[in-house]
Amino acid sequence: MAIQVCERCDSKTAKLDKCNYCGREVCTKCLKSSKRVGKGSKAYICKNCWSDLEKRGKFKSA
């Protein structure tokens, strides 16, 4: 597994997750929350999108 760089905080990590609301690849420190959507997928929201009330509302209703 290659070392990747977080697009939010520029830290180096082995695992990045894609925020469903801004599209950035973020590390686990920058993820605010995640939840299961459907049977096999997860929805992720980063700390920047969490502060946007419109995006947070979409995440909570998913």
N, C-alpha and C. Protein backbone atom coordinates (compact mmCIF):
# COMPACT_ATOMS: atom_id res chain seq x y z
N MET A 1 0.85 -1.18 0.00
CA MET A 1 0.00 0.00 0.00
C MET A 1 0.90 1.25 0.00
N ALA A 2 0.63 2.17 -0.88
CA ALA A 2 1.45 3.37 -1.02
C ALA A 2 1.07 4.42 0.02
N ILE A 3 2.04 5.24 0.36
CA ILE A 3 1.79 6.36 1.26
C ILE A 3 1.14 7.48 0.46
N GLN A 4 0.04 8.01 0.99
CA GLN A 4 -0.71 9.06 0.31
C GLN A 4 -0.76 10.30 1.19
N VAL A 5 -1.10 11.43 0.60
CA VAL A 5 -1.13 12.70 1.31
C VAL A 5 -2.58 13.19 1.41
N CYS A 6 -2.97 13.56 2.62
CA CYS A 6 -4.32 14.08 2.86
C CYS A 6 -4.46 15.45 2.19
N GLU A 7 -5.58 15.68 1.52
CA GLU A 7 -5.81 16.95 0.83
C GLU A 7 -6.25 18.06 1.77
N ARG A 8 -6.61 17.74 2.99
CA ARG A 8 -7.05 18.76 3.93
C ARG A 8 -5.92 19.23 4.84
N CYS A 9 -5.16 18.30 5.43
CA CYS A 9 -4.13 18.69 6.40
C CYS A 9 -2.71 18.39 5.92
N ASP A 10 -2.55 17.79 4.74
CA ASP A 10 -1.24 17.46 4.15
C ASP A 10 -0.42 16.47 4.97
N SER A 11 -1.07 15.67 5.81
CA SER A 11 -0.34 14.63 6.53
C SER A 11 -0.24 13.39 5.65
N LYS A 12 0.79 12.59 5.89
CA LYS A 12 1.01 11.38 5.11
C LYS A 12 0.40 10.20 5.84
N THR A 13 -0.36 9.39 5.11
CA THR A 13 -1.03 8.25 5.71
C THR A 13 -1.18 7.14 4.68
N ALA A 14 -1.47 5.94 5.15
CA ALA A 14 -1.63 4.80 4.25
C ALA A 14 -3.05 4.66 3.75
N LYS A 15 -4.02 5.21 4.48
CA LYS A 15 -5.43 5.03 4.10
C LYS A 15 -6.14 6.37 4.06
N LEU A 16 -6.71 6.69 2.92
CA LEU A 16 -7.51 7.90 2.76
C LEU A 16 -8.93 7.51 2.38
N ASP A 17 -9.90 8.28 2.85
CA ASP A 17 -11.30 8.09 2.48
C ASP A 17 -11.77 9.35 1.77
N LYS A 18 -12.69 9.18 0.84
CA LYS A 18 -13.18 10.31 0.05
C LYS A 18 -14.44 10.88 0.69
N CYS A 19 -14.41 12.17 0.96
CA CYS A 19 -15.59 12.86 1.49
C CYS A 19 -16.66 12.88 0.40
N ASN A 20 -17.88 12.51 0.75
CA ASN A 20 -18.96 12.44 -0.22
C ASN A 20 -19.52 13.82 -0.57
N TYR A 21 -19.11 14.86 0.13
CA TYR A 21 -19.73 16.17 -0.06
C TYR A 21 -18.80 17.19 -0.70
N CYS A 22 -17.49 17.07 -0.54
CA CYS A 22 -16.56 17.98 -1.23
C CYS A 22 -15.65 17.23 -2.19
N GLY A 23 -15.57 15.91 -2.07
CA GLY A 23 -14.80 15.11 -3.01
C GLY A 23 -13.32 15.00 -2.69
N ARG A 24 -12.87 15.56 -1.57
CA ARG A 24 -11.45 15.50 -1.22
C ARG A 24 -11.11 14.16 -0.57
N GLU A 25 -9.88 13.72 -0.80
CA GLU A 25 -9.35 12.53 -0.13
C GLU A 25 -8.78 12.98 1.21
N VAL A 26 -9.38 12.51 2.32
CA VAL A 26 -8.98 12.96 3.65
C VAL A 26 -8.57 11.78 4.52
N CYS A 27 -7.70 12.06 5.50
CA CYS A 27 -7.23 11.03 6.43
C CYS A 27 -8.28 10.82 7.53
N THR A 28 -8.02 9.86 8.40
CA THR A 28 -9.00 9.56 9.45
C THR A 28 -9.09 10.68 10.49
N LYS A 29 -8.02 11.47 10.66
CA LYS A 29 -8.08 12.60 11.60
C LYS A 29 -8.99 13.71 11.09
N CYS A 30 -9.10 13.83 9.77
CA CYS A 30 -9.92 14.89 9.17
C CYS A 30 -11.37 14.47 8.95
N LEU A 31 -11.67 13.18 9.11
CA LEU A 31 -13.06 12.73 8.97
C LEU A 31 -13.82 13.05 10.24
N LYS A 32 -14.99 13.62 10.10
CA LYS A 32 -15.82 13.93 11.26
C LYS A 32 -16.73 12.75 11.59
N SER A 33 -17.32 12.14 10.55
CA SER A 33 -18.26 11.06 10.80
C SER A 33 -18.40 10.19 9.55
N SER A 34 -18.86 8.97 9.78
CA SER A 34 -19.17 8.06 8.67
C SER A 34 -20.38 7.24 9.07
N LYS A 35 -21.13 6.82 8.06
CA LYS A 35 -22.30 5.99 8.34
C LYS A 35 -22.55 5.06 7.17
N ARG A 36 -23.19 3.96 7.44
CA ARG A 36 -23.53 3.01 6.40
C ARG A 36 -24.72 3.53 5.59
N VAL A 37 -24.56 3.45 4.28
CA VAL A 37 -25.63 3.84 3.36
C VAL A 37 -25.85 2.65 2.46
N GLY A 38 -27.00 2.04 2.58
CA GLY A 38 -27.27 0.86 1.78
C GLY A 38 -26.58 -0.36 2.36
N LYS A 39 -26.38 -1.35 1.51
CA LYS A 39 -25.86 -2.61 2.00
C LYS A 39 -24.34 -2.66 2.05
N GLY A 40 -23.66 -2.11 1.04
CA GLY A 40 -22.22 -2.27 1.01
C GLY A 40 -21.42 -1.00 0.95
N SER A 41 -22.03 0.15 1.11
CA SER A 41 -21.27 1.39 0.97
C SER A 41 -21.37 2.23 2.24
N LYS A 42 -20.43 3.16 2.38
CA LYS A 42 -20.41 4.07 3.52
C LYS A 42 -20.37 5.50 3.01
N ALA A 43 -20.93 6.40 3.78
CA ALA A 43 -20.87 7.83 3.48
C ALA A 43 -19.94 8.48 4.49
N TYR A 44 -19.02 9.31 4.00
CA TYR A 44 -18.06 10.00 4.85
C TYR A 44 -18.28 11.49 4.74
N ILE A 45 -18.06 12.21 5.86
CA ILE A 45 -18.11 13.67 5.84
C ILE A 45 -16.89 14.19 6.60
N CYS A 46 -16.20 15.17 5.99
CA CYS A 46 -15.00 15.72 6.61
C CYS A 46 -15.39 16.86 7.57
N LYS A 47 -14.41 17.34 8.32
CA LYS A 47 -14.67 18.38 9.30
C LYS A 47 -15.07 19.70 8.65
N ASN A 48 -14.54 20.00 7.47
CA ASN A 48 -14.93 21.24 6.78
C ASN A 48 -16.38 21.19 6.35
N CYS A 49 -16.82 20.06 5.80
CA CYS A 49 -18.21 19.94 5.35
C CYS A 49 -19.17 19.86 6.53
N TRP A 50 -18.72 19.36 7.67
CA TRP A 50 -19.56 19.27 8.86
C TRP A 50 -19.97 20.67 9.33
N SER A 51 -19.11 21.66 9.15
CA SER A 51 -19.44 23.02 9.59
C SER A 51 -20.42 23.71 8.65
N ASP A 52 -20.63 23.18 7.45
CA ASP A 52 -21.63 23.70 6.50
C ASP A 52 -22.96 23.02 6.81
N LEU A 53 -23.94 23.78 7.30
CA LEU A 53 -25.19 23.19 7.78
C LEU A 53 -25.98 22.49 6.68
N GLU A 54 -25.89 22.98 5.46
CA GLU A 54 -26.62 22.35 4.36
C GLU A 54 -26.06 20.95 4.06
N LYS A 55 -24.73 20.84 4.04
CA LYS A 55 -24.10 19.54 3.79
C LYS A 55 -24.31 18.60 4.96
N ARG A 56 -24.27 19.13 6.19
CA ARG A 56 -24.50 18.30 7.36
C ARG A 56 -25.92 17.74 7.37
N GLY A 57 -26.89 18.53 6.96
CA GLY A 57 -28.28 18.07 6.88
C GLY A 57 -28.44 16.94 5.87
N LYS A 58 -27.76 17.06 4.72
CA LYS A 58 -27.80 15.98 3.73
C LYS A 58 -27.20 14.70 4.28
N PHE A 59 -26.08 14.84 5.03
CA PHE A 59 -25.43 13.67 5.61
C PHE A 59 -26.33 12.99 6.64
N LYS A 60 -26.95 13.77 7.50
CA LYS A 60 -27.79 13.19 8.55
C LYS A 60 -29.04 12.53 7.99
N SER A 61 -29.56 13.03 6.86
CA SER A 61 -30.77 12.44 6.29
C SER A 61 -30.47 11.26 5.38
N ALA A 62 -29.20 10.99 5.10
CA ALA A 62 -28.83 9.87 4.22
C ALA A 62 -29.06 8.55 4.90
